[in-house]
Each structure stands twice: as C-alpha cells, then as structure tokens.
C-alpha cells in the first residue's frame, strides 16, 4: 500500500493577504512614529535652550557679567559645549536641532532651529538676555 504524503503550503492569495495586512499596519504606524520623534526633538530643544539660558543667568549673577566664552558657561552647565561650537554664532546639530549661541558681556542669544523643518521639528526656540524663551 502506497502512502501519499500530504504537503500543505500557502496559496498566493494567502500570501498576498498577509503582505497587504502588514503594509496597512506599516502605513498606520510609521507616520505616528515620525510624529512622536518630532515631538521628542522639540521637547529636548526647549529644555536645552532653557538650561543654557538658566546657566547664563546664574553665571551673570556669579561673575557680575554674562559669560562670553563657553568655558565660562561650562562652569554653570556641564553640557554647554554639546550645544554651542563657538560663541560667535557657530552651529552644532543635536537631536534633530541646530543650536547657535551668541554671547557677550551684556547678554546672550541661544537659538535652536530644526535641522529639517517638518520632519525633525516644527518650532524654533530662542532665549535671550533675561531668560525669555520665545517659540517661533
């Protein structure tokens, strides 16, 4: 007596159905993930600008003038060099935002602007002398 092996495999319709479901789930999930990342970048930028501004204000009280170098600012916030390459307006990128710092003895301006507007962030944050944070 011959035994017939019964082989079971997926049909083309079943495979296409699974691919369609996975594509639908991806189409729903990917925009949400991008939106979450953009929101996180904006929150980090806002927090970083507030930290830099707070450090500059603290430094002005302690030094008697606003910090003019990153070394002076670094004494009040350890991560100053992470955000500002130089104090004459140079930029550095971090977490989807470009940071620029302009400082002199009379004041400062810290700016965080999205690297790619719309995908890495939508809001530009600026803090200037007196610690006023302005979203643009």
Protein backbone atom coordinates (compact mmCIF):
# COMPACT_ATOMS: atom_id res chain seq x y z
CA UNK A 1 0.00 0.00 0.00
CA UNK A 2 1.31 3.40 -1.01
CA UNK A 3 1.27 6.25 1.44
CA UNK A 4 0.67 9.63 -0.08
CA UNK A 5 2.39 12.50 1.62
CA UNK A 6 0.14 15.39 2.14
CA UNK A 7 2.07 18.65 1.70
CA UNK A 8 0.44 21.83 2.84
CA UNK A 9 1.66 25.23 1.63
CA UNK A 10 0.35 28.73 1.43
CA UNK A 11 -1.54 29.82 -1.63
CA UNK A 12 -0.70 33.00 -3.47
CA UNK A 13 -3.90 34.63 -2.18
CA UNK A 14 -2.98 33.89 1.44
CA UNK A 15 0.50 35.36 0.99
CA UNK A 16 -0.90 38.46 -0.70
CA UNK A 17 -3.41 38.89 2.13
CA UNK A 18 -0.66 38.75 4.77
CA UNK A 19 1.52 41.22 2.83
CA UNK A 20 -1.49 43.55 2.49
CA UNK A 21 -2.21 43.45 6.23
CA UNK A 22 1.44 44.13 7.09
CA UNK A 23 1.51 47.04 4.61
CA UNK A 24 -1.64 48.51 6.15
CA UNK A 25 -0.20 48.30 9.66
CA UNK A 26 3.05 49.92 8.50
CA UNK A 27 1.12 52.72 6.78
CA UNK A 28 -0.62 53.47 10.07
CA UNK A 29 2.41 53.11 12.38
CA UNK A 30 5.19 54.95 10.51
CA UNK A 31 3.59 58.45 10.49
CA UNK A 32 2.83 58.08 14.20
CA UNK A 33 6.46 57.17 14.94
CA UNK A 34 7.71 60.16 12.96
CA UNK A 35 5.33 62.44 14.85
CA UNK A 36 6.49 61.05 18.19
CA UNK A 37 10.15 61.61 17.24
CA UNK A 38 9.43 65.20 16.14
CA UNK A 39 7.63 65.93 19.43
CA UNK A 40 10.54 64.46 21.41
CA UNK A 41 13.04 66.60 19.45
CA UNK A 42 11.00 69.74 20.15
CA UNK A 43 10.76 68.98 23.87
CA UNK A 44 14.52 68.34 24.06
CA UNK A 45 15.31 71.57 22.21
CA UNK A 46 13.05 73.59 24.50
CA UNK A 47 14.63 72.03 27.58
CA UNK A 48 18.17 72.54 26.29
CA UNK A 49 17.59 76.21 25.49
CA UNK A 50 16.06 76.74 28.93
CA UNK A 51 19.08 75.07 30.54
CA UNK A 52 21.54 77.22 28.60
CA UNK A 53 19.58 80.36 29.43
CA UNK A 54 19.35 79.46 33.12
CA UNK A 55 23.08 78.79 33.25
CA UNK A 56 23.83 82.14 31.58
CA UNK A 57 21.60 83.96 34.07
CA UNK A 58 23.22 82.17 37.01
CA UNK A 59 26.65 82.99 35.60
CA UNK A 60 25.76 86.68 35.29
CA UNK A 61 24.92 86.84 38.98
CA UNK A 62 28.04 84.93 39.98
CA UNK A 63 30.51 86.62 37.58
CA UNK A 64 29.00 90.09 37.55
CA UNK A 65 28.58 89.89 33.77
CA UNK A 66 27.20 87.44 31.24
CA UNK A 67 29.58 84.68 30.15
CA UNK A 68 31.49 85.46 26.96
CA UNK A 69 33.14 82.07 26.42
CA UNK A 70 31.94 78.52 26.53
CA UNK A 71 34.47 77.88 29.28
CA UNK A 72 32.73 80.43 31.49
CA UNK A 73 29.33 79.00 30.65
CA UNK A 74 30.64 75.45 31.12
CA UNK A 75 31.26 76.24 34.80
CA UNK A 76 27.49 76.57 35.21
CA UNK A 77 26.24 73.88 32.82
CA UNK A 78 28.39 70.88 32.02
CA UNK A 79 26.89 70.30 28.56
CA UNK A 80 27.47 73.81 27.14
CA UNK A 81 29.94 72.54 24.54
CA UNK A 82 27.42 69.97 23.33
CA UNK A 83 25.07 72.72 22.17
CA UNK A 84 27.33 75.52 21.00
CA UNK A 85 30.50 75.08 18.97
CA UNK A 86 31.50 78.71 19.38
CA UNK A 87 30.02 81.86 20.83
CA UNK A 88 30.12 83.93 17.66
CA UNK A 89 27.11 82.29 16.06
CA UNK A 90 28.52 78.93 15.00
CA UNK A 91 26.10 75.99 14.94
CA UNK A 92 26.07 72.41 16.05
CA UNK A 93 23.41 69.77 15.48
CA UNK A 94 21.95 67.63 18.24
CA UNK A 95 18.71 65.61 18.40
CA UNK A 96 17.35 67.00 15.13
CA UNK A 97 18.03 70.64 16.00
CA UNK A 98 20.76 73.15 15.14
CA UNK A 99 21.94 75.16 18.13
CA UNK A 100 23.62 78.53 17.90
CA UNK A 101 24.96 80.73 20.67
CA UNK A 102 25.86 84.40 20.62
CA UNK A 103 27.26 85.73 23.91
CA UNK A 104 28.93 88.89 25.14
CA UNK A 105 29.24 90.67 28.50
CA UNK A 106 25.89 92.44 28.04
CA UNK A 107 23.78 89.45 27.11
CA UNK A 108 23.23 86.34 25.04
CA UNK A 109 21.01 84.72 22.47
CA UNK A 110 20.61 80.95 22.26
CA UNK A 111 18.68 79.52 19.32
CA UNK A 112 17.53 76.01 18.47
CA UNK A 113 16.10 75.54 14.98
CA UNK A 114 15.01 72.29 13.31
CA UNK A 115 17.56 70.67 11.01
CA UNK A 116 14.72 69.78 8.63
CA UNK A 117 11.58 71.78 9.26
CA UNK A 118 8.58 69.48 9.45
CA UNK A 119 10.38 66.19 9.97
CA UNK A 120 12.89 66.87 12.75
CA UNK A 121 10.79 69.64 14.32
CA UNK A 122 8.37 72.47 13.60
CA UNK A 123 9.29 75.10 16.18
CA UNK A 124 12.37 77.32 16.52
CA UNK A 125 13.20 78.25 20.11
CA UNK A 126 15.13 81.36 21.11
CA UNK A 127 16.18 82.51 24.56
CA UNK A 128 17.73 85.90 25.05
CA UNK A 129 19.03 88.04 27.87
CA UNK A 130 16.70 87.89 30.85
CA UNK A 131 15.83 84.25 30.28
CA UNK A 132 12.84 84.85 28.00
CA UNK A 133 12.12 81.73 25.90
CA UNK A 134 10.36 82.51 22.64
CA UNK A 135 8.98 79.83 20.32
CA UNK A 136 8.93 80.99 16.70
